[in-house]
Amino acid sequence: MVQVLPLALIFLVFWFLIIRPQSKRMKEHKAKIEAVKRGDQVVTGGGLIGKVTKVEEGVVEVELAPGMKVRALKSTLTDIVDPLSAKPAND
């Protein structure tokens, strides 16, 4: 029992400091990506920023520039950007 107790404590520390928060972040990210809708501004895994013009099952159509649309898997989206809170890079 004395030998198992330190291992159990180490596992509990890892659980509360690493595993549980990471799992929570993954669930939140998945929910945010699944809720993407037409008109949202998104960032893809490759760093491209565009506006969603069409949402299909597992795929979104993103307009990168006027008249330039690409299709991307929803799973490759990394973030949904709020265009009102976005700051210019050169401040």
N, C-alpha and C. Protein backbone atom coordinates (compact mmCIF):
# COMPACT_ATOMS: atom_id res chain seq x y z
N MET A 1 0.82 -1.20 0.00
CA MET A 1 0.00 0.00 0.00
C MET A 1 0.87 1.27 0.00
N VAL A 2 1.94 1.23 0.74
CA VAL A 2 2.84 2.39 0.84
C VAL A 2 3.51 2.65 -0.51
N GLN A 3 3.78 1.61 -1.28
CA GLN A 3 4.42 1.77 -2.58
C GLN A 3 3.45 2.28 -3.64
N VAL A 4 2.18 1.97 -3.52
CA VAL A 4 1.18 2.36 -4.51
C VAL A 4 0.71 3.80 -4.28
N LEU A 5 0.70 4.25 -3.06
CA LEU A 5 0.19 5.58 -2.71
C LEU A 5 0.91 6.71 -3.46
N PRO A 6 2.24 6.74 -3.54
CA PRO A 6 2.91 7.82 -4.29
C PRO A 6 2.53 7.81 -5.78
N LEU A 7 2.40 6.62 -6.37
CA LEU A 7 2.00 6.55 -7.77
C LEU A 7 0.58 7.07 -7.97
N ALA A 8 -0.30 6.76 -7.05
CA ALA A 8 -1.67 7.26 -7.13
C ALA A 8 -1.71 8.77 -7.00
N LEU A 9 -0.91 9.33 -6.12
CA LEU A 9 -0.84 10.78 -5.95
C LEU A 9 -0.29 11.46 -7.20
N ILE A 10 0.73 10.86 -7.80
CA ILE A 10 1.29 11.42 -9.04
C ILE A 10 0.24 11.41 -10.14
N PHE A 11 -0.51 10.32 -10.25
CA PHE A 11 -1.56 10.23 -11.25
C PHE A 11 -2.63 11.31 -11.02
N LEU A 12 -3.03 11.52 -9.77
CA LEU A 12 -4.03 12.54 -9.46
C LEU A 12 -3.53 13.94 -9.83
N VAL A 13 -2.27 14.21 -9.55
CA VAL A 13 -1.70 15.51 -9.91
C VAL A 13 -1.72 15.69 -11.43
N PHE A 14 -1.29 14.68 -12.17
CA PHE A 14 -1.33 14.76 -13.63
C PHE A 14 -2.75 14.94 -14.13
N TRP A 15 -3.69 14.24 -13.52
CA TRP A 15 -5.09 14.32 -13.94
C TRP A 15 -5.61 15.75 -13.81
N PHE A 16 -5.40 16.37 -12.65
CA PHE A 16 -5.95 17.70 -12.42
C PHE A 16 -5.17 18.82 -13.10
N LEU A 17 -3.87 18.63 -13.35
CA LEU A 17 -3.08 19.69 -13.95
C LEU A 17 -2.94 19.59 -15.46
N ILE A 18 -3.04 18.38 -16.02
CA ILE A 18 -2.79 18.22 -17.45
C ILE A 18 -3.97 17.60 -18.19
N ILE A 19 -4.38 16.43 -17.80
CA ILE A 19 -5.37 15.67 -18.58
C ILE A 19 -6.74 16.35 -18.58
N ARG A 20 -7.25 16.72 -17.43
CA ARG A 20 -8.59 17.31 -17.32
C ARG A 20 -8.71 18.65 -18.05
N PRO A 21 -7.78 19.60 -17.87
CA PRO A 21 -7.90 20.87 -18.60
C PRO A 21 -7.78 20.70 -20.12
N GLN A 22 -6.90 19.80 -20.56
CA GLN A 22 -6.74 19.58 -22.00
C GLN A 22 -8.01 18.98 -22.58
N SER A 23 -8.61 18.06 -21.89
CA SER A 23 -9.86 17.46 -22.34
C SER A 23 -10.97 18.50 -22.44
N LYS A 24 -11.02 19.38 -21.48
CA LYS A 24 -12.03 20.45 -21.48
C LYS A 24 -11.83 21.39 -22.67
N ARG A 25 -10.57 21.77 -22.94
CA ARG A 25 -10.27 22.64 -24.08
C ARG A 25 -10.65 21.97 -25.39
N MET A 26 -10.38 20.69 -25.52
CA MET A 26 -10.72 19.97 -26.75
C MET A 26 -12.22 19.94 -26.98
N LYS A 27 -13.00 19.72 -25.93
CA LYS A 27 -14.46 19.70 -26.05
C LYS A 27 -14.99 21.07 -26.46
N GLU A 28 -14.46 22.13 -25.85
CA GLU A 28 -14.88 23.49 -26.19
C GLU A 28 -14.54 23.82 -27.64
N HIS A 29 -13.34 23.45 -28.09
CA HIS A 29 -12.92 23.71 -29.46
C HIS A 29 -13.81 22.97 -30.45
N LYS A 30 -14.10 21.71 -30.16
CA LYS A 30 -14.95 20.92 -31.05
C LYS A 30 -16.35 21.53 -31.15
N ALA A 31 -16.90 21.97 -30.03
CA ALA A 31 -18.23 22.58 -30.03
C ALA A 31 -18.22 23.88 -30.83
N LYS A 32 -17.15 24.67 -30.69
CA LYS A 32 -17.06 25.93 -31.42
C LYS A 32 -16.97 25.69 -32.93
N ILE A 33 -16.19 24.71 -33.33
CA ILE A 33 -16.04 24.41 -34.76
C ILE A 33 -17.33 23.83 -35.33
N GLU A 34 -18.01 22.99 -34.58
CA GLU A 34 -19.28 22.42 -35.06
C GLU A 34 -20.36 23.49 -35.20
N ALA A 35 -20.24 24.59 -34.45
CA ALA A 35 -21.24 25.64 -34.49
C ALA A 35 -20.95 26.72 -35.53
N VAL A 36 -19.93 26.50 -36.36
CA VAL A 36 -19.59 27.50 -37.38
C VAL A 36 -20.78 27.65 -38.34
N LYS A 37 -21.03 28.91 -38.74
CA LYS A 37 -22.16 29.18 -39.61
C LYS A 37 -21.75 30.15 -40.71
N ARG A 38 -22.63 30.32 -41.66
CA ARG A 38 -22.39 31.22 -42.79
C ARG A 38 -22.16 32.63 -42.26
N GLY A 39 -21.12 33.29 -42.76
CA GLY A 39 -20.81 34.65 -42.35
C GLY A 39 -19.73 34.75 -41.29
N ASP A 40 -19.37 33.64 -40.64
CA ASP A 40 -18.31 33.65 -39.63
C ASP A 40 -16.96 33.83 -40.31
N GLN A 41 -16.07 34.53 -39.65
CA GLN A 41 -14.70 34.65 -40.12
C GLN A 41 -13.87 33.60 -39.40
N VAL A 42 -13.15 32.77 -40.15
CA VAL A 42 -12.44 31.64 -39.57
C VAL A 42 -10.96 31.66 -39.95
N VAL A 43 -10.18 30.92 -39.17
CA VAL A 43 -8.76 30.71 -39.45
C VAL A 43 -8.58 29.22 -39.70
N THR A 44 -7.93 28.87 -40.81
CA THR A 44 -7.68 27.47 -41.12
C THR A 44 -6.38 27.01 -40.49
N GLY A 45 -6.13 25.72 -40.54
CA GLY A 45 -4.90 25.16 -40.00
C GLY A 45 -3.65 25.70 -40.69
N GLY A 46 -3.79 26.13 -41.94
CA GLY A 46 -2.66 26.67 -42.69
C GLY A 46 -2.45 28.16 -42.45
N GLY A 47 -3.33 28.76 -41.62
CA GLY A 47 -3.17 30.17 -41.30
C GLY A 47 -3.96 31.10 -42.21
N LEU A 48 -4.79 30.56 -43.09
CA LEU A 48 -5.59 31.39 -43.97
C LEU A 48 -6.81 31.91 -43.22
N ILE A 49 -7.13 33.17 -43.45
CA ILE A 49 -8.28 33.79 -42.80
C ILE A 49 -9.30 34.10 -43.89
N GLY A 50 -10.54 33.70 -43.65
CA GLY A 50 -11.57 33.96 -44.63
C GLY A 50 -12.95 33.92 -44.02
N LYS A 51 -13.93 34.20 -44.85
CA LYS A 51 -15.32 34.26 -44.42
C LYS A 51 -16.05 33.03 -44.93
N VAL A 52 -16.81 32.38 -44.07
CA VAL A 52 -17.55 31.17 -44.44
C VAL A 52 -18.74 31.58 -45.30
N THR A 53 -18.85 30.96 -46.49
CA THR A 53 -19.96 31.25 -47.38
C THR A 53 -20.95 30.10 -47.48
N LYS A 54 -20.50 28.90 -47.12
CA LYS A 54 -21.37 27.73 -47.23
C LYS A 54 -20.91 26.69 -46.23
N VAL A 55 -21.87 26.06 -45.54
CA VAL A 55 -21.55 25.03 -44.56
C VAL A 55 -22.25 23.75 -44.98
N GLU A 56 -21.47 22.69 -45.13
CA GLU A 56 -22.00 21.37 -45.43
C GLU A 56 -21.56 20.43 -44.32
N GLU A 57 -21.97 19.19 -44.41
CA GLU A 57 -21.60 18.19 -43.41
C GLU A 57 -20.10 17.92 -43.47
N GLY A 58 -19.36 18.44 -42.50
CA GLY A 58 -17.92 18.19 -42.42
C GLY A 58 -17.07 19.08 -43.29
N VAL A 59 -17.68 19.91 -44.14
CA VAL A 59 -16.94 20.76 -45.07
C VAL A 59 -17.51 22.17 -45.03
N VAL A 60 -16.64 23.16 -45.13
CA VAL A 60 -17.08 24.55 -45.25
C VAL A 60 -16.45 25.16 -46.49
N GLU A 61 -17.14 26.12 -47.06
CA GLU A 61 -16.59 26.88 -48.18
C GLU A 61 -16.18 28.23 -47.62
N VAL A 62 -14.91 28.59 -47.82
CA VAL A 62 -14.36 29.80 -47.24
C VAL A 62 -13.95 30.74 -48.37
N GLU A 63 -14.41 31.99 -48.28
CA GLU A 63 -14.03 33.01 -49.26
C GLU A 63 -12.82 33.75 -48.72
N LEU A 64 -11.68 33.58 -49.39
CA LEU A 64 -10.43 34.20 -48.95
C LEU A 64 -10.29 35.63 -49.47
N ALA A 65 -10.79 35.86 -50.68
CA ALA A 65 -10.79 37.17 -51.32
C ALA A 65 -12.04 37.23 -52.18
N PRO A 66 -12.46 38.42 -52.60
CA PRO A 66 -13.65 38.48 -53.45
C PRO A 66 -13.52 37.58 -54.68
N GLY A 67 -14.42 36.63 -54.80
CA GLY A 67 -14.41 35.71 -55.94
C GLY A 67 -13.49 34.52 -55.78
N MET A 68 -12.73 34.43 -54.69
CA MET A 68 -11.81 33.31 -54.48
C MET A 68 -12.30 32.46 -53.32
N LYS A 69 -12.92 31.33 -53.66
CA LYS A 69 -13.48 30.46 -52.63
C LYS A 69 -12.74 29.13 -52.62
N VAL A 70 -12.54 28.60 -51.43
CA VAL A 70 -11.92 27.29 -51.27
C VAL A 70 -12.80 26.46 -50.34
N ARG A 71 -12.69 25.16 -50.48
CA ARG A 71 -13.40 24.24 -49.59
C ARG A 71 -12.40 23.71 -48.58
N ALA A 72 -12.82 23.65 -47.34
CA ALA A 72 -11.93 23.16 -46.28
C ALA A 72 -12.72 22.24 -45.36
N LEU A 73 -12.04 21.25 -44.83
CA LEU A 73 -12.67 20.39 -43.84
C LEU A 73 -12.88 21.17 -42.55
N LYS A 74 -14.00 20.93 -41.90
CA LYS A 74 -14.25 21.60 -40.63
C LYS A 74 -13.18 21.28 -39.61
N SER A 75 -12.65 20.07 -39.68
CA SER A 75 -11.65 19.66 -38.70
C SER A 75 -10.34 20.43 -38.84
N THR A 76 -10.11 21.09 -39.98
CA THR A 76 -8.88 21.87 -40.16
C THR A 76 -9.03 23.31 -39.70
N LEU A 77 -10.23 23.72 -39.30
CA LEU A 77 -10.42 25.07 -38.78
C LEU A 77 -9.83 25.14 -37.38
N THR A 78 -9.07 26.19 -37.14
CA THR A 78 -8.43 26.31 -35.83
C THR A 78 -9.13 27.31 -34.93
N ASP A 79 -9.80 28.31 -35.52
CA ASP A 79 -10.44 29.32 -34.69
C ASP A 79 -11.52 30.05 -35.47
N ILE A 80 -12.45 30.63 -34.73
CA ILE A 80 -13.45 31.52 -35.30
C ILE A 80 -13.10 32.90 -34.78
N VAL A 81 -12.89 33.85 -35.70
CA VAL A 81 -12.41 35.18 -35.35
C VAL A 81 -13.58 36.14 -35.30
N ASP A 82 -13.61 36.96 -34.27
CA ASP A 82 -14.60 38.03 -34.18
C ASP A 82 -14.01 39.24 -34.90
N PRO A 83 -14.56 39.63 -36.05
CA PRO A 83 -13.95 40.72 -36.81
C PRO A 83 -13.97 42.07 -36.08
N LEU A 84 -14.87 42.26 -35.13
CA LEU A 84 -14.93 43.52 -34.40
C LEU A 84 -13.81 43.64 -33.37
N SER A 85 -13.35 42.51 -32.83
CA SER A 85 -12.30 42.57 -31.81
C SER A 85 -10.91 42.34 -32.38
N ALA A 86 -10.82 42.09 -33.67
CA ALA A 86 -9.51 41.85 -34.28
C ALA A 86 -8.71 43.15 -34.32
N LYS A 87 -7.46 43.09 -33.87
CA LYS A 87 -6.60 44.26 -33.87
C LYS A 87 -5.66 44.20 -35.06
N PRO A 88 -5.32 45.35 -35.63
CA PRO A 88 -4.32 45.35 -36.70
C PRO A 88 -2.95 44.88 -36.17
N ALA A 89 -2.18 44.24 -37.04
CA ALA A 89 -0.89 43.67 -36.63
C ALA A 89 0.15 44.76 -36.36
N ASN A 90 0.06 45.91 -37.04
CA ASN A 90 1.09 46.95 -36.92
C ASN A 90 0.58 48.10 -36.07
N ASP A 91 0.53 47.92 -34.77
CA ASP A 91 0.12 49.00 -33.85
C ASP A 91 1.31 49.63 -33.21
